[in-house]
């Protein structure tokens, strides 16, 4: 892609910066690009860059997971023993998004499956 094909006056983010923004790993950003959830632009050197404008729709989807009814259901499933990953898949959001949602609303189990202090 030629430099003049980049959107004018639009900040282009590196995959690492996008990953930090969403609270996920860079491999997740690459997977989202393969799945079509993100549309990367290519630099003349072949590197992926993401425009802030293209991230708005994905951010809106992530915020949709914060809706109270969905959040209550997610907490209920987690407290019934579902893993964060299973709950995230159920609501079609990333692991990081679901972890933050649950962290705000309940006490997370340790890796051994116990609540802290047990």
PDB file of N, CA and C in Angstrom:
ATOM      1  N   UNK A   1       0.849  -1.177   0.000  1.00  0.00           N
ATOM      2  CA  UNK A   1       0.000   0.000   0.000  1.00  0.00           C
ATOM      3  C   UNK A   1       0.891   1.235   0.000  1.00  0.00           C
ATOM      4  N   UNK A   2       0.557   2.195  -0.800  1.00  0.00           N
ATOM      5  CA  UNK A   2       1.342   3.416  -0.886  1.00  0.00           C
ATOM      6  C   UNK A   2       0.980   4.363   0.246  1.00  0.00           C
ATOM      7  N   UNK A   3       1.945   5.168   0.703  1.00  0.00           N
ATOM      8  CA  UNK A   3       1.668   6.081   1.811  1.00  0.00           C
ATOM      9  C   UNK A   3       0.499   7.023   1.563  1.00  0.00           C
ATOM     10  N   UNK A   4       0.275   7.445   0.292  1.00  0.00           N
ATOM     11  CA  UNK A   4      -0.830   8.373   0.033  1.00  0.00           C
ATOM     12  C   UNK A   4      -2.196   7.688   0.108  1.00  0.00           C
ATOM     13  N   UNK A   5      -2.228   6.361   0.294  1.00  0.00           N
ATOM     14  CA  UNK A   5      -3.497   5.652   0.435  1.00  0.00           C
ATOM     15  C   UNK A   5      -3.956   5.610   1.892  1.00  0.00           C
ATOM     16  N   UNK A   6      -3.094   6.045   2.820  1.00  0.00           N
ATOM     17  CA  UNK A   6      -3.489   6.086   4.223  1.00  0.00           C
ATOM     18  C   UNK A   6      -4.491   7.213   4.438  1.00  0.00           C
ATOM     19  N   UNK A   7      -5.436   7.021   5.348  1.00  0.00           N
ATOM     20  CA  UNK A   7      -6.398   8.087   5.614  1.00  0.00           C
ATOM     21  C   UNK A   7      -5.700   9.354   6.101  1.00  0.00           C
ATOM     22  N   UNK A   8      -6.086  10.517   5.604  1.00  0.00           N
ATOM     23  CA  UNK A   8      -5.447  11.759   6.038  1.00  0.00           C
ATOM     24  C   UNK A   8      -5.837  12.088   7.482  1.00  0.00           C
ATOM     25  N   UNK A   9      -4.883  12.637   8.212  1.00  0.00           N
ATOM     26  CA  UNK A   9      -5.104  13.099   9.588  1.00  0.00           C
ATOM     27  C   UNK A   9      -5.689  12.023  10.494  1.00  0.00           C
ATOM     28  N   UNK A  10      -5.305  10.810  10.300  1.00  0.00           N
ATOM     29  CA  UNK A  10      -5.812   9.718  11.124  1.00  0.00           C
ATOM     30  C   UNK A  10      -4.616   9.037  11.764  1.00  0.00           C
ATOM     31  N   UNK A  11      -4.648   8.902  13.080  1.00  0.00           N
ATOM     32  CA  UNK A  11      -3.558   8.226  13.765  1.00  0.00           C
ATOM     33  C   UNK A  11      -3.576   6.751  13.421  1.00  0.00           C
ATOM     34  N   UNK A  12      -2.437   6.236  13.074  1.00  0.00           N
ATOM     35  CA  UNK A  12      -2.312   4.814  12.796  1.00  0.00           C
ATOM     36  C   UNK A  12      -1.632   4.153  13.979  1.00  0.00           C
ATOM     37  N   UNK A  13      -2.232   3.089  14.462  1.00  0.00           N
ATOM     38  CA  UNK A  13      -1.725   2.399  15.639  1.00  0.00           C
ATOM     39  C   UNK A  13      -1.051   1.090  15.249  1.00  0.00           C
ATOM     40  N   UNK A  14       0.009   0.761  15.966  1.00  0.00           N
ATOM     41  CA  UNK A  14       0.686  -0.519  15.791  1.00  0.00           C
ATOM     42  C   UNK A  14      -0.146  -1.586  16.482  1.00  0.00           C
ATOM     43  N   UNK A  15       0.018  -2.854  16.071  1.00  0.00           N
ATOM     44  CA  UNK A  15      -0.726  -3.930  16.738  1.00  0.00           C
ATOM     45  C   UNK A  15      -0.539  -3.942  18.251  1.00  0.00           C
ATOM     46  N   UNK A  16       0.658  -3.632  18.720  1.00  0.00           N
ATOM     47  CA  UNK A  16       0.917  -3.589  20.158  1.00  0.00           C
ATOM     48  C   UNK A  16       0.055  -2.527  20.845  1.00  0.00           C
ATOM     49  N   UNK A  17      -0.089  -1.378  20.208  1.00  0.00           N
ATOM     50  CA  UNK A  17      -0.891  -0.302  20.776  1.00  0.00           C
ATOM     51  C   UNK A  17      -2.378  -0.666  20.802  1.00  0.00           C
ATOM     52  N   UNK A  18      -2.836  -1.339  19.758  1.00  0.00           N
ATOM     53  CA  UNK A  18      -4.232  -1.785  19.709  1.00  0.00           C
ATOM     54  C   UNK A  18      -4.478  -2.827  20.796  1.00  0.00           C
ATOM     55  N   UNK A  19      -3.513  -3.740  20.976  1.00  0.00           N
ATOM     56  CA  UNK A  19      -3.631  -4.766  22.011  1.00  0.00           C
ATOM     57  C   UNK A  19      -3.725  -4.135  23.396  1.00  0.00           C
ATOM     58  N   UNK A  20      -2.935  -3.120  23.652  1.00  0.00           N
ATOM     59  CA  UNK A  20      -2.991  -2.422  24.940  1.00  0.00           C
ATOM     60  C   UNK A  20      -4.337  -1.734  25.122  1.00  0.00           C
ATOM     61  N   UNK A  21      -4.849  -1.161  24.064  1.00  0.00           N
ATOM     62  CA  UNK A  21      -6.134  -0.468  24.103  1.00  0.00           C
ATOM     63  C   UNK A  21      -7.265  -1.407  24.511  1.00  0.00           C
ATOM     64  N   UNK A  22      -7.241  -2.636  23.979  1.00  0.00           N
ATOM     65  CA  UNK A  22      -8.290  -3.607  24.256  1.00  0.00           C
ATOM     66  C   UNK A  22      -7.978  -4.532  25.419  1.00  0.00           C
ATOM     67  N   UNK A  23      -6.748  -4.474  25.915  1.00  0.00           N
ATOM     68  CA  UNK A  23      -6.380  -5.346  27.020  1.00  0.00           C
ATOM     69  C   UNK A  23      -6.220  -6.798  26.614  1.00  0.00           C
ATOM     70  N   UNK A  24      -5.712  -7.019  25.399  1.00  0.00           N
ATOM     71  CA  UNK A  24      -5.501  -8.372  24.889  1.00  0.00           C
ATOM     72  C   UNK A  24      -4.064  -8.488  24.378  1.00  0.00           C
ATOM     73  N   UNK A  25      -3.693  -9.675  23.928  1.00  0.00           N
ATOM     74  CA  UNK A  25      -2.365  -9.890  23.367  1.00  0.00           C
ATOM     75  C   UNK A  25      -2.338  -9.519  21.891  1.00  0.00           C
ATOM     76  N   UNK A  26      -1.136  -9.302  21.383  1.00  0.00           N
ATOM     77  CA  UNK A  26      -1.005  -8.955  19.965  1.00  0.00           C
ATOM     78  C   UNK A  26      -1.460 -10.105  19.070  1.00  0.00           C
ATOM     79  N   UNK A  27      -1.360 -11.338  19.551  1.00  0.00           N
ATOM     80  CA  UNK A  27      -1.832 -12.476  18.757  1.00  0.00           C
ATOM     81  C   UNK A  27      -3.354 -12.421  18.584  1.00  0.00           C
ATOM     82  N   UNK A  28      -4.035 -11.878  19.578  1.00  0.00           N
ATOM     83  CA  UNK A  28      -5.485 -11.704  19.468  1.00  0.00           C
ATOM     84  C   UNK A  28      -5.806 -10.682  18.387  1.00  0.00           C
ATOM     85  N   UNK A  29      -5.029  -9.608  18.321  1.00  0.00           N
ATOM     86  CA  UNK A  29      -5.231  -8.580  17.295  1.00  0.00           C
ATOM     87  C   UNK A  29      -5.025  -9.196  15.911  1.00  0.00           C
ATOM     88  N   UNK A  30      -3.995 -10.027  15.768  1.00  0.00           N
ATOM     89  CA  UNK A  30      -3.757 -10.694  14.475  1.00  0.00           C
ATOM     90  C   UNK A  30      -4.923 -11.619  14.123  1.00  0.00           C
ATOM     91  N   UNK A  31      -5.444 -12.339  15.116  1.00  0.00           N
ATOM     92  CA  UNK A  31      -6.581 -13.244  14.870  1.00  0.00           C
ATOM     93  C   UNK A  31      -7.813 -12.442  14.458  1.00  0.00           C
ATOM     94  N   UNK A  32      -8.074 -11.338  15.163  1.00  0.00           N
ATOM     95  CA  UNK A  32      -9.225 -10.502  14.814  1.00  0.00           C
ATOM     96  C   UNK A  32      -9.089  -9.991  13.380  1.00  0.00           C
ATOM     97  N   UNK A  33      -7.876  -9.667  12.965  1.00  0.00           N
ATOM     98  CA  UNK A  33      -7.665  -9.204  11.586  1.00  0.00           C
ATOM     99  C   UNK A  33      -7.962 -10.340  10.604  1.00  0.00           C
ATOM    100  N   UNK A  34      -7.506 -11.563  10.909  1.00  0.00           N
ATOM    101  CA  UNK A  34      -7.786 -12.710  10.030  1.00  0.00           C
ATOM    102  C   UNK A  34      -9.278 -12.988   9.950  1.00  0.00           C
ATOM    103  N   UNK A  35      -9.987 -12.811  11.079  1.00  0.00           N
ATOM    104  CA  UNK A  35     -11.421 -13.073  11.123  1.00  0.00           C
ATOM    105  C   UNK A  35     -12.239 -11.948  10.497  1.00  0.00           C
ATOM    106  N   UNK A  36     -11.593 -10.830  10.194  1.00  0.00           N
ATOM    107  CA  UNK A  36     -12.299  -9.710   9.582  1.00  0.00           C
ATOM    108  C   UNK A  36     -12.899  -8.735  10.578  1.00  0.00           C
ATOM    109  N   UNK A  37     -12.634  -8.924  11.854  1.00  0.00           N
ATOM    110  CA  UNK A  37     -13.159  -8.003  12.873  1.00  0.00           C
ATOM    111  C   UNK A  37     -12.404  -6.681  12.851  1.00  0.00           C
ATOM    112  N   UNK A  38     -11.150  -6.710  12.399  1.00  0.00           N
ATOM    113  CA  UNK A  38     -10.323  -5.514  12.236  1.00  0.00           C
ATOM    114  C   UNK A  38      -9.823  -5.474  10.798  1.00  0.00           C
ATOM    115  N   UNK A  39      -9.647  -4.269  10.289  1.00  0.00           N
ATOM    116  CA  UNK A  39      -9.134  -4.111   8.926  1.00  0.00           C
ATOM    117  C   UNK A  39      -7.801  -3.374   8.974  1.00  0.00           C
ATOM    118  N   UNK A  40      -6.700  -4.111   8.896  1.00  0.00           N
ATOM    119  CA  UNK A  40      -5.399  -3.440   8.956  1.00  0.00           C
ATOM    120  C   UNK A  40      -5.052  -2.771   7.631  1.00  0.00           C
ATOM    121  N   UNK A  41      -4.288  -1.711   7.738  1.00  0.00           N
ATOM    122  CA  UNK A  41      -3.680  -1.080   6.572  1.00  0.00           C
ATOM    123  C   UNK A  41      -2.246  -1.584   6.530  1.00  0.00           C
ATOM    124  N   UNK A  42      -1.661  -1.636   5.366  1.00  0.00           N
ATOM    125  CA  UNK A  42      -0.277  -2.101   5.235  1.00  0.00           C
ATOM    126  C   UNK A  42       0.632  -0.921   4.905  1.00  0.00           C
ATOM    127  N   UNK A  43       1.741  -0.847   5.609  1.00  0.00           N
ATOM    128  CA  UNK A  43       2.741   0.165   5.304  1.00  0.00           C
ATOM    129  C   UNK A  43       3.508  -0.288   4.074  1.00  0.00           C
ATOM    130  N   UNK A  44       4.296   0.582   3.475  1.00  0.00           N
ATOM    131  CA  UNK A  44       5.103   0.153   2.318  1.00  0.00           C
ATOM    132  C   UNK A  44       6.021  -1.020   2.680  1.00  0.00           C
ATOM    133  N   UNK A  45       6.406  -1.130   3.940  1.00  0.00           N
ATOM    134  CA  UNK A  45       7.250  -2.234   4.373  1.00  0.00           C
ATOM    135  C   UNK A  45       6.482  -3.498   4.716  1.00  0.00           C
ATOM    136  N   UNK A  46       5.153  -3.462   4.599  1.00  0.00           N
ATOM    137  CA  UNK A  46       4.329  -4.639   4.846  1.00  0.00           C
ATOM    138  C   UNK A  46       3.837  -4.790   6.271  1.00  0.00           C
ATOM    139  N   UNK A  47       4.097  -3.794   7.126  1.00  0.00           N
ATOM    140  CA  UNK A  47       3.652  -3.864   8.514  1.00  0.00           C
ATOM    141  C   UNK A  47       2.176  -3.479   8.622  1.00  0.00           C
ATOM    142  N   UNK A  48       1.493  -4.095   9.578  1.00  0.00           N
ATOM    143  CA  UNK A  48       0.074  -3.783   9.793  1.00  0.00           C
ATOM    144  C   UNK A  48      -0.052  -2.543  10.672  1.00  0.00           C
ATOM    145  N   UNK A  49      -0.998  -1.687  10.303  1.00  0.00           N
ATOM    146  CA  UNK A  49      -1.358  -0.527  11.113  1.00  0.00           C
ATOM    147  C   UNK A  49      -2.875  -0.439  11.131  1.00  0.00           C
ATOM    148  N   UNK A  50      -3.404   0.098  12.206  1.00  0.00           N
ATOM    149  CA  UNK A  50      -4.854   0.182  12.380  1.00  0.00           C
ATOM    150  C   UNK A  50      -5.226   1.638  12.631  1.00  0.00           C
ATOM    151  N   UNK A  51      -6.189   2.120  11.886  1.00  0.00           N
ATOM    152  CA  UNK A  51      -6.624   3.506  12.080  1.00  0.00           C
ATOM    153  C   UNK A  51      -7.584   3.564  13.264  1.00  0.00           C
ATOM    154  N   UNK A  52      -7.532   4.662  13.973  1.00  0.00           N
ATOM    155  CA  UNK A  52      -8.426   4.843  15.122  1.00  0.00           C
ATOM    156  C   UNK A  52      -9.889   4.753  14.687  1.00  0.00           C
ATOM    157  N   UNK A  53     -10.182   5.272  13.510  1.00  0.00           N
ATOM    158  CA  UNK A  53     -11.564   5.248  13.019  1.00  0.00           C
ATOM    159  C   UNK A  53     -12.057   3.819  12.834  1.00  0.00           C
ATOM    160  N   UNK A  54     -11.179   2.923  12.371  1.00  0.00           N
ATOM    161  CA  UNK A  54     -11.606   1.546  12.147  1.00  0.00           C
ATOM    162  C   UNK A  54     -11.815   0.783  13.445  1.00  0.00           C
ATOM    163  N   UNK A  55     -11.277   1.299  14.539  1.00  0.00           N
ATOM    164  CA  UNK A  55     -11.417   0.634  15.834  1.00  0.00           C
ATOM    165  C   UNK A  55     -12.714   1.005  16.554  1.00  0.00           C
ATOM    166  N   UNK A  56     -13.375   2.047  16.113  1.00  0.00           N
ATOM    167  CA  UNK A  56     -14.579   2.521  16.816  1.00  0.00           C
ATOM    168  C   UNK A  56     -15.680   1.470  16.887  1.00  0.00           C
ATOM    169  N   UNK A  57     -15.920   0.746  15.792  1.00  0.00           N
ATOM    170  CA  UNK A  57     -16.980  -0.275  15.781  1.00  0.00           C
ATOM    171  C   UNK A  57     -16.654  -1.406  16.741  1.00  0.00           C
ATOM    172  N   UNK A  58     -15.390  -1.810  16.762  1.00  0.00           N
ATOM    173  CA  UNK A  58     -14.998  -2.890  17.667  1.00  0.00           C
ATOM    174  C   UNK A  58     -15.099  -2.445  19.121  1.00  0.00           C
ATOM    175  N   UNK A  59     -14.756  -1.199  19.403  1.00  0.00           N
ATOM    176  CA  UNK A  59     -14.908  -0.664  20.761  1.00  0.00           C
ATOM    177  C   UNK A  59     -16.379  -0.620  21.158  1.00  0.00           C
ATOM    178  N   UNK A  60     -17.243  -0.291  20.213  1.00  0.00           N
ATOM    179  CA  UNK A  60     -18.680  -0.263  20.503  1.00  0.00           C
ATOM    180  C   UNK A  60     -19.175  -1.663  20.858  1.00  0.00           C
ATOM    181  N   UNK A  61     -18.677  -2.687  20.161  1.00  0.00           N
ATOM    182  CA  UNK A  61     -19.045  -4.067  20.475  1.00  0.00           C
ATOM    183  C   UNK A  61     -18.566  -4.456  21.863  1.00  0.00           C
ATOM    184  N   UNK A  62     -17.360  -4.036  22.208  1.00  0.00           N
ATOM    185  CA  UNK A  62     -16.821  -4.356  23.530  1.00  0.00           C
ATOM    186  C   UNK A  62     -17.633  -3.660  24.622  1.00  0.00           C
ATOM    187  N   UNK A  63     -18.067  -2.449  24.351  1.00  0.00           N
ATOM    188  CA  UNK A  63     -18.888  -1.732  25.338  1.00  0.00           C
ATOM    189  C   UNK A  63     -20.266  -2.356  25.480  1.00  0.00           C
ATOM    190  N   UNK A  64     -20.761  -2.983  24.410  1.00  0.00           N
ATOM    191  CA  UNK A  64     -22.069  -3.628  24.472  1.00  0.00           C
ATOM    192  C   UNK A  64     -22.075  -4.735  25.513  1.00  0.00           C
ATOM    193  N   UNK A  65     -20.918  -5.335  25.749  1.00  0.00           N
ATOM    194  CA  UNK A  65     -20.826  -6.388  26.766  1.00  0.00           C
ATOM    195  C   UNK A  65     -21.013  -5.817  28.169  1.00  0.00           C
ATOM    196  N   UNK A  66     -20.880  -4.512  28.297  1.00  0.00           N
ATOM    197  CA  UNK A  66     -21.045  -3.865  29.601  1.00  0.00           C
ATOM    198  C   UNK A  66     -22.501  -3.571  29.936  1.00  0.00           C
ATOM    199  N   UNK A  67     -23.432  -3.924  29.047  1.00  0.00           N
ATOM    200  CA  UNK A  67     -24.838  -3.682  29.332  1.00  0.00           C
ATOM    201  C   UNK A  67     -25.234  -4.436  30.590  1.00  0.00           C
ATOM    202  N   UNK A  68     -26.038  -3.823  31.466  1.00  0.00           N
ATOM    203  CA  UNK A  68     -26.362  -4.428  32.757  1.00  0.00           C
ATOM    204  C   UNK A  68     -26.944  -5.839  32.684  1.00  0.00           C
ATOM    205  N   UNK A  69     -27.884  -6.101  31.798  1.00  0.00           N
ATOM    206  CA  UNK A  69     -28.500  -7.423  31.742  1.00  0.00           C
ATOM    207  C   UNK A  69     -27.471  -8.481  31.350  1.00  0.00           C
ATOM    208  N   UNK A  70     -26.664  -8.181  30.350  1.00  0.00           N
ATOM    209  CA  UNK A  70     -25.632  -9.121  29.923  1.00  0.00           C
ATOM    210  C   UNK A  70     -24.598  -9.303  31.025  1.00  0.00           C
ATOM    211  N   UNK A  71     -24.257  -8.222  31.714  1.00  0.00           N
ATOM    212  CA  UNK A  71     -23.278  -8.316  32.796  1.00  0.00           C
ATOM    213  C   UNK A  71     -23.808  -9.180  33.931  1.00  0.00           C
ATOM    214  N   UNK A  72     -25.064  -9.031  34.278  1.00  0.00           N
ATOM    215  CA  UNK A  72     -25.657  -9.854  35.339  1.00  0.00           C
ATOM    216  C   UNK A  72     -25.630 -11.328  34.950  1.00  0.00           C
ATOM    217  N   UNK A  73     -25.953 -11.631  33.700  1.00  0.00           N
ATOM    218  CA  UNK A  73     -25.929 -13.013  33.227  1.00  0.00           C
ATOM    219  C   UNK A  73     -24.505 -13.568  33.251  1.00  0.00           C
ATOM    220  N   UNK A  74     -23.537 -12.745  32.849  1.00  0.00           N
ATOM    221  CA  UNK A  74     -22.137 -13.183  32.842  1.00  0.00           C
ATOM    222  C   UNK A  74     -21.669 -13.502  34.256  1.00  0.00           C
ATOM    223  N   UNK A  75     -21.996 -12.646  35.205  1.00  0.00           N
ATOM    224  CA  UNK A  75     -21.617 -12.885  36.604  1.00  0.00           C
ATOM    225  C   UNK A  75     -22.273 -14.164  37.115  1.00  0.00           C
ATOM    226  N   UNK A  76     -23.534 -14.360  36.800  1.00  0.00           N
ATOM    227  CA  UNK A  76     -24.251 -15.555  37.250  1.00  0.00           C
ATOM    228  C   UNK A  76     -23.586 -16.825  36.720  1.00  0.00           C
ATOM    229  N   UNK A  77     -23.235 -16.830  35.432  1.00  0.00           N
ATOM    230  CA  UNK A  77     -22.583 -18.004  34.855  1.00  0.00           C
ATOM    231  C   UNK A  77     -21.211 -18.248  35.492  1.00  0.00           C
ATOM    232  N   UNK A  78     -20.460 -17.169  35.696  1.00  0.00           N
ATOM    233  CA  UNK A  78     -19.138 -17.310  36.314  1.00  0.00           C
ATOM    234  C   UNK A  78     -19.261 -17.862  37.731  1.00  0.00           C
ATOM    235  N   UNK A  79     -20.229 -17.367  38.487  1.00  0.00           N
ATOM    236  CA  UNK A  79     -20.416 -17.831  39.860  1.00  0.00           C
ATOM    237  C   UNK A  79     -20.953 -19.261  39.912  1.00  0.00           C
ATOM    238  N   UNK A  80     -21.516 -19.746  38.808  1.00  0.00           N
ATOM    239  CA  UNK A  80     -21.963 -21.138  38.736  1.00  0.00           C
ATOM    240  C   UNK A  80     -20.814 -22.083  38.394  1.00  0.00           C
ATOM    241  N   UNK A  81     -19.632 -21.530  38.139  1.00  0.00           N
ATOM    242  CA  UNK A  81     -18.470 -22.368  37.883  1.00  0.00           C
ATOM    243  C   UNK A  81     -17.892 -22.282  36.485  1.00  0.00           C
ATOM    244  N   UNK A  82     -18.515 -21.517  35.609  1.00  0.00           N
ATOM    245  CA  UNK A  82     -17.970 -21.352  34.267  1.00  0.00           C
ATOM    246  C   UNK A  82     -16.642 -20.608  34.367  1.00  0.00           C
ATOM    247  N   UNK A  83     -15.727 -20.882  33.446  1.00  0.00           N
ATOM    248  CA  UNK A  83     -14.473 -20.143  33.400  1.00  0.00           C
ATOM    249  C   UNK A  83     -14.708 -18.798  32.710  1.00  0.00           C
ATOM    250  N   UNK A  84     -13.774 -17.888  32.908  1.00  0.00           N
ATOM    251  CA  UNK A  84     -13.883 -16.582  32.246  1.00  0.00           C
ATOM    252  C   UNK A  84     -13.911 -16.783  30.732  1.00  0.00           C
ATOM    253  N   UNK A  85     -13.064 -17.686  30.239  1.00  0.00           N
ATOM    254  CA  UNK A  85     -13.007 -17.942  28.799  1.00  0.00           C
ATOM    255  C   UNK A  85     -14.340 -18.471  28.271  1.00  0.00           C
ATOM    256  N   UNK A  86     -14.979 -19.371  29.019  1.00  0.00           N
ATOM    257  CA  UNK A  86     -16.272 -19.917  28.590  1.00  0.00           C
ATOM    258  C   UNK A  86     -17.340 -18.819  28.564  1.00  0.00           C
ATOM    259  N   UNK A  87     -17.346 -17.978  29.589  1.00  0.00           N
ATOM    260  CA  UNK A  87     -18.330 -16.890  29.640  1.00  0.00           C
ATOM    261  C   UNK A  87     -18.081 -15.913  28.492  1.00  0.00           C
ATOM    262  N   UNK A  88     -16.814 -15.613  28.225  1.00  0.00           N
ATOM    263  CA  UNK A  88     -16.473 -14.699  27.127  1.00  0.00           C
ATOM    264  C   UNK A  88     -16.949 -15.260  25.791  1.00  0.00           C
ATOM    265  N   UNK A  89     -16.744 -16.559  25.580  1.00  0.00           N
ATOM    266  CA  UNK A  89     -17.208 -17.178  24.334  1.00  0.00           C
ATOM    267  C   UNK A  89     -18.727 -17.134  24.234  1.00  0.00           C
ATOM    268  N   UNK A  90     -19.392 -17.344  25.343  1.00  0.00           N
ATOM    269  CA  UNK A  90     -20.867 -17.324  25.367  1.00  0.00           C
ATOM    270  C   UNK A  90     -21.403 -15.969  24.925  1.00  0.00           C
ATOM    271  N   UNK A  91     -20.725 -14.887  25.340  1.00  0.00           N
ATOM    272  CA  UNK A  91     -21.175 -13.540  25.012  1.00  0.00           C
ATOM    273  C   UNK A  91     -20.425 -12.944  23.816  1.00  0.00           C
ATOM    274  N   UNK A  92     -19.569 -13.763  23.184  1.00  0.00           N
ATOM    275  CA  UNK A  92     -18.832 -13.347  21.987  1.00  0.00           C
ATOM    276  C   UNK A  92     -18.027 -12.071  22.198  1.00  0.00           C
ATOM    277  N   UNK A  93     -17.278 -12.038  23.308  1.00  0.00           N
ATOM    278  CA  UNK A  93     -16.366 -10.936  23.584  1.00  0.00           C
ATOM    279  C   UNK A  93     -14.995 -11.528  23.901  1.00  0.00           C
ATOM    280  N   UNK A  94     -13.995 -10.687  23.953  1.00  0.00           N
ATOM    281  CA  UNK A  94     -12.653 -11.169  24.244  1.00  0.00           C
ATOM    282  C   UNK A  94     -12.516 -11.552  25.715  1.00  0.00           C
ATOM    283  N   UNK A  95     -11.522 -12.374  25.987  1.00  0.00           N
ATOM    284  CA  UNK A  95     -11.230 -12.787  27.361  1.00  0.00           C
ATOM    285  C   UNK A  95     -10.949 -11.560  28.228  1.00  0.00           C
ATOM    286  N   UNK A  96     -10.126 -10.633  27.718  1.00  0.00           N
ATOM    287  CA  UNK A  96      -9.770  -9.441  28.490  1.00  0.00           C
ATOM    288  C   UNK A  96     -10.979  -8.587  28.842  1.00  0.00           C
ATOM    289  N   UNK A  97     -11.866  -8.420  27.878  1.00  0.00           N
ATOM    290  CA  UNK A  97     -13.087  -7.639  28.119  1.00  0.00           C
ATOM    291  C   UNK A  97     -13.937  -8.300  29.189  1.00  0.00           C
ATOM    292  N   UNK A  98     -14.110  -9.619  29.097  1.00  0.00           N
ATOM    293  CA  UNK A  98     -14.932 -10.325  30.075  1.00  0.00           C
ATOM    294  C   UNK A  98     -14.279 -10.318  31.449  1.00  0.00           C
ATOM    295  N   UNK A  99     -12.972 -10.464  31.495  1.00  0.00           N
ATOM    296  CA  UNK A  99     -12.275 -10.458  32.789  1.00  0.00           C
ATOM    297  C   UNK A  99     -12.468  -9.117  33.488  1.00  0.00           C
ATOM    298  N   UNK A 100     -12.336  -8.022  32.725  1.00  0.00           N
ATOM    299  CA  UNK A 100     -12.540  -6.684  33.316  1.00  0.00           C
ATOM    300  C   UNK A 100     -13.981  -6.522  33.798  1.00  0.00           C
ATOM    301  N   UNK A 101     -14.948  -6.994  33.001  1.00  0.00           N
ATOM    302  CA  UNK A 101     -16.352  -6.890  33.384  1.00  0.00           C
ATOM    303  C   UNK A 101     -16.608  -7.648  34.690  1.00  0.00           C
ATOM    304  N   UNK A 102     -16.103  -8.884  34.777  1.00  0.00           N
ATOM    305  CA  UNK A 102     -16.313  -9.690  35.985  1.00  0.00           C
ATOM    306  C   UNK A 102     -15.555  -9.116  37.176  1.00  0.00           C
ATOM    307  N   UNK A 103     -14.365  -8.616  36.943  1.00  0.00           N
ATOM    308  CA  UNK A 103     -13.554  -8.053  38.020  1.00  0.00           C
ATOM    309  C   UNK A 103     -14.260  -6.872  38.687  1.00  0.00           C
ATOM    310  N   UNK A 104     -14.999  -6.110  37.903  1.00  0.00           N
ATOM    311  CA  UNK A 104     -15.749  -4.970  38.436  1.00  0.00           C
ATOM    312  C   UNK A 104     -16.968  -5.394  39.244  1.00  0.00           C
ATOM    313  N   UNK A 105     -17.449  -6.626  39.029  1.00  0.00           N
ATOM    314  CA  UNK A 105     -18.740  -7.018  39.599  1.00  0.00           C
ATOM    315  C   UNK A 105     -18.701  -8.188  40.572  1.00  0.00           C
ATOM    316  N   UNK A 106     -17.588  -8.925  40.637  1.00  0.00           N
ATOM    317  CA  UNK A 106     -17.526 -10.089  41.528  1.00  0.00           C
ATOM    318  C   UNK A 106     -16.077 -10.379  41.885  1.00  0.00           C
ATOM    319  N   UNK A 107     -15.885 -11.278  42.825  1.00  0.00           N
ATOM    320  CA  UNK A 107     -14.540 -11.708  43.203  1.00  0.00           C
ATOM    321  C   UNK A 107     -14.135 -12.864  42.296  1.00  0.00           C
ATOM    322  N   UNK A 108     -12.979 -12.720  41.656  1.00  0.00           N
ATOM    323  CA  UNK A 108     -12.519 -13.757  40.745  1.00  0.00           C
ATOM    324  C   UNK A 108     -11.835 -14.882  41.509  1.00  0.00           C
ATOM    325  N   UNK A 109     -12.016 -16.088  41.010  1.00  0.00           N
ATOM    326  CA  UNK A 109     -11.370 -17.257  41.596  1.00  0.00           C
ATOM    327  C   UNK A 109      -9.881 -17.259  41.240  1.00  0.00           C
ATOM    328  N   UNK A 110      -9.090 -17.978  42.063  1.00  0.00           N
ATOM    329  CA  UNK A 110      -7.681 -18.162  41.741  1.00  0.00           C
ATOM    330  C   UNK A 110      -7.562 -19.224  40.663  1.00  0.00           C
ATOM    331  N   UNK A 111      -6.365 -19.445  40.188  1.00  0.00           N
ATOM    332  CA  UNK A 111      -6.159 -20.464  39.145  1.00  0.00           C
ATOM    333  C   UNK A 111      -6.559 -21.850  39.641  1.00  0.00           C
ATOM    334  N   UNK A 112      -6.470 -22.076  40.943  1.00  0.00           N
ATOM    335  CA  UNK A 112      -6.867 -23.360  41.487  1.00  0.00           C
ATOM    336  C   UNK A 112      -8.367 -23.503  41.636  1.00  0.00           C
ATOM    337  N   UNK A 113      -9.118 -22.467  41.298  1.00  0.00           N
ATOM    338  CA  UNK A 113     -10.568 -22.528  41.359  1.00  0.00           C
ATOM    339  C   UNK A 113     -11.163 -22.099  42.689  1.00  0.00           C
ATOM    340  N   UNK A 114     -10.310 -21.642  43.617  1.00  0.00           N
ATOM    341  CA  UNK A 114     -10.830 -21.211  44.926  1.00  0.00           C
ATOM    342  C   UNK A 114     -10.939 -19.699  44.975  1.00  0.00           C
ATOM    343  N   UNK A 115     -11.797 -19.237  45.844  1.00  0.00           N
ATOM    344  CA  UNK A 115     -11.887 -17.804  46.085  1.00  0.00           C
ATOM    345  C   UNK A 115     -10.715 -17.374  46.967  1.00  0.00           C
ATOM    346  N   UNK A 116     -10.208 -16.183  46.797  1.00  0.00           N
ATOM    347  CA  UNK A 116      -9.124 -15.714  47.654  1.00  0.00           C
ATOM    348  C   UNK A 116      -9.537 -15.763  49.122  1.00  0.00           C
ATOM    349  N   UNK A 117      -8.654 -16.263  49.980  1.00  0.00           N
ATOM    350  CA  UNK A 117      -8.949 -16.345  51.409  1.00  0.00           C
ATOM    351  C   UNK A 117      -9.508 -17.689  51.839  1.00  0.00           C
ATOM    352  N   UNK A 118      -9.845 -18.569  50.869  1.00  0.00           N
ATOM    353  CA  UNK A 118     -10.355 -19.902  51.233  1.00  0.00           C
ATOM    354  C   UNK A 118      -9.233 -20.833  51.589  1.00  0.00           C
TER     355      UNK A 118
END
